[in-house]
Structure formats: C-alpha cells, structure tokens
Amino acid sequence: MSMLKIKKGDTVKVIAGKDKDKEGKVIAIDQKDGKVVVEGVNMLTKHTKPSASNQNGGIIHQEGPIDISNVMYVHKGKATRVGIKMDGDKKVRYAKSTGEVID
C-alpha cells in the first residue's frame, strides 16, 4: 500500500459497520493489512487466564481493528476526504472540503 491518508493520533469518524457515526482517536495503524484501531470503537470482549502480569485474569474489553476504508478524517468537526499535494518539495495532507493543509 502507498502512503496512507490516516495517521496515528488523527480524529476519525466511522462511516460503516455497527459503530457507524462514532468518532474517536486513532490508536494504531496496520499498514500491511489496511486496518486501524480507533479509541472506543469495535469493542471486543477477551477472556484472560491469571498470569504474572494479570493476577486475577477475567474479562477485558478492548478495541479491535477496523478497515481503513470505513473511517473518514474529521477536520473542524466535519468528516472530509484527505488528499495529498506537493508543498514545495514536501508532500502534505490537505482536507478536500476546505483545501486547508492538515500537517
């Protein structure tokens, strides 16, 4: 996959699936599989045995990965598509709805 348009730390909105219309911050990105982990989205229940790090074990709730095509970047409170353009000799991301440079 080439340069991804979503980065770690971005605020995104889910546009498809069971968590549609939820917003959250990107925690992790799997560039190879095209998946992102978003804070508070796609919550999974994991049953763990007691171990040295987790004395009691039990049920843990954690975020699961969702496809990167199911999220949109949020710019100034609105979901927008992200484009890439050259700014001098440097590639920058910009919001397609407003044309403003993101970073």
Protein backbone atom coordinates (compact mmCIF):
# COMPACT_ATOMS: atom_id res chain seq x y z
CA MET A 1 0.00 0.00 0.00
CA SER A 2 1.27 3.51 -0.74
CA MET A 3 1.16 6.49 1.62
CA LEU A 4 -1.83 6.21 3.95
CA LYS A 5 -4.01 9.27 4.38
CA ILE A 6 -4.87 8.50 8.01
CA LYS A 7 -2.18 8.69 10.70
CA LYS A 8 -1.87 7.75 14.35
CA GLY A 9 -3.39 10.46 16.56
CA ASP A 10 -5.91 11.67 13.94
CA THR A 11 -9.56 12.07 14.91
CA VAL A 12 -11.74 9.96 12.62
CA LYS A 13 -15.42 9.18 12.13
CA VAL A 14 -16.67 5.66 11.39
CA ILE A 15 -18.79 5.67 8.21
CA ALA A 16 -19.78 1.98 8.00
CA GLY A 17 -20.48 -1.01 10.25
CA LYS A 18 -22.00 -1.49 13.68
CA ASP A 19 -20.25 1.58 15.12
CA LYS A 20 -21.35 3.96 12.34
CA ASP A 21 -21.24 7.70 13.24
CA LYS A 22 -18.91 7.19 16.24
CA GLU A 23 -15.83 9.38 16.47
CA GLY A 24 -12.51 8.59 18.09
CA LYS A 25 -8.76 8.98 18.02
CA VAL A 26 -6.60 6.56 16.01
CA ILE A 27 -4.53 4.45 18.43
CA ALA A 28 -2.70 2.18 15.97
CA ILE A 29 -2.40 1.50 12.24
CA ASP A 30 -1.58 -1.77 10.48
CA GLN A 31 -0.29 -0.54 7.14
CA LYS A 32 0.17 -4.03 5.70
CA ASP A 33 -3.46 -5.11 6.23
CA GLY A 34 -5.02 -1.64 5.88
CA LYS A 35 -6.58 -1.67 9.36
CA VAL A 36 -6.86 0.96 12.09
CA VAL A 37 -7.65 0.73 15.80
CA VAL A 38 -9.88 3.60 16.95
CA GLU A 39 -10.46 4.56 20.59
CA GLY A 40 -13.87 3.31 21.82
CA VAL A 41 -14.85 1.68 18.50
CA ASN A 42 -15.34 -2.05 17.73
CA MET A 43 -15.06 -3.10 21.37
CA LEU A 44 -14.18 -6.77 21.84
CA THR A 45 -14.53 -8.97 24.93
CA LYS A 46 -11.44 -11.01 25.76
CA HIS A 47 -11.29 -13.70 28.46
CA THR A 48 -7.86 -13.94 30.07
CA LYS A 49 -6.31 -16.50 32.42
CA PRO A 50 -4.46 -15.38 35.54
CA SER A 51 -0.77 -14.74 34.81
CA ALA A 52 2.22 -12.95 36.33
CA SER A 53 1.20 -9.62 34.76
CA ASN A 54 -2.55 -10.05 35.40
CA GLN A 55 -3.04 -11.73 38.80
CA ASN A 56 -6.83 -12.10 38.68
CA GLY A 57 -7.47 -12.75 34.99
CA GLY A 58 -11.10 -12.21 33.95
CA ILE A 59 -12.90 -10.37 31.20
CA ILE A 60 -11.16 -7.50 29.40
CA HIS A 61 -12.83 -5.08 26.96
CA GLN A 62 -10.52 -3.77 24.23
CA GLU A 63 -10.70 -2.13 20.81
CA GLY A 64 -10.49 -4.28 17.71
CA PRO A 65 -9.17 -3.28 14.27
CA ILE A 66 -11.49 -1.98 11.55
CA ASP A 67 -10.77 -1.44 7.87
CA ILE A 68 -9.25 1.91 6.98
CA SER A 69 -11.86 2.38 4.23
CA ASN A 70 -14.57 2.55 6.93
CA VAL A 71 -13.20 5.71 8.57
CA MET A 72 -13.01 9.35 7.47
CA TYR A 73 -10.76 12.11 8.78
CA VAL A 74 -12.53 14.76 10.89
CA HIS A 75 -11.49 18.36 10.14
CA LYS A 76 -13.09 21.15 12.19
CA GLY A 77 -15.95 18.90 13.32
CA LYS A 78 -16.86 17.56 9.86
CA ALA A 79 -15.80 14.35 8.12
CA THR A 80 -13.81 15.06 4.98
CA ARG A 81 -11.75 13.25 2.41
CA VAL A 82 -7.99 13.69 2.56
CA GLY A 83 -5.77 14.48 -0.40
CA ILE A 84 -2.02 14.65 -0.85
CA LYS A 85 -0.28 17.50 -2.67
CA MET A 86 3.20 18.85 -3.05
CA ASP A 87 4.10 21.91 -0.97
CA GLY A 88 7.40 22.94 -2.46
CA ASP A 89 9.42 19.72 -2.34
CA LYS A 90 7.41 18.16 0.53
CA LYS A 91 4.24 16.01 0.43
CA VAL A 92 1.46 17.33 2.66
CA ARG A 93 -2.06 16.16 3.51
CA TYR A 94 -4.98 18.51 2.98
CA ALA A 95 -8.72 18.47 3.64
CA LYS A 96 -10.55 18.22 0.32
CA SER A 97 -13.67 20.00 1.65
CA THR A 98 -11.80 23.20 2.63
CA GLY A 99 -8.46 22.86 0.85
CA GLU A 100 -6.59 23.58 4.11
CA VAL A 101 -3.30 21.82 4.84
CA ILE A 102 -3.60 19.35 7.74
CA ASP A 103 0.07 18.86 8.55
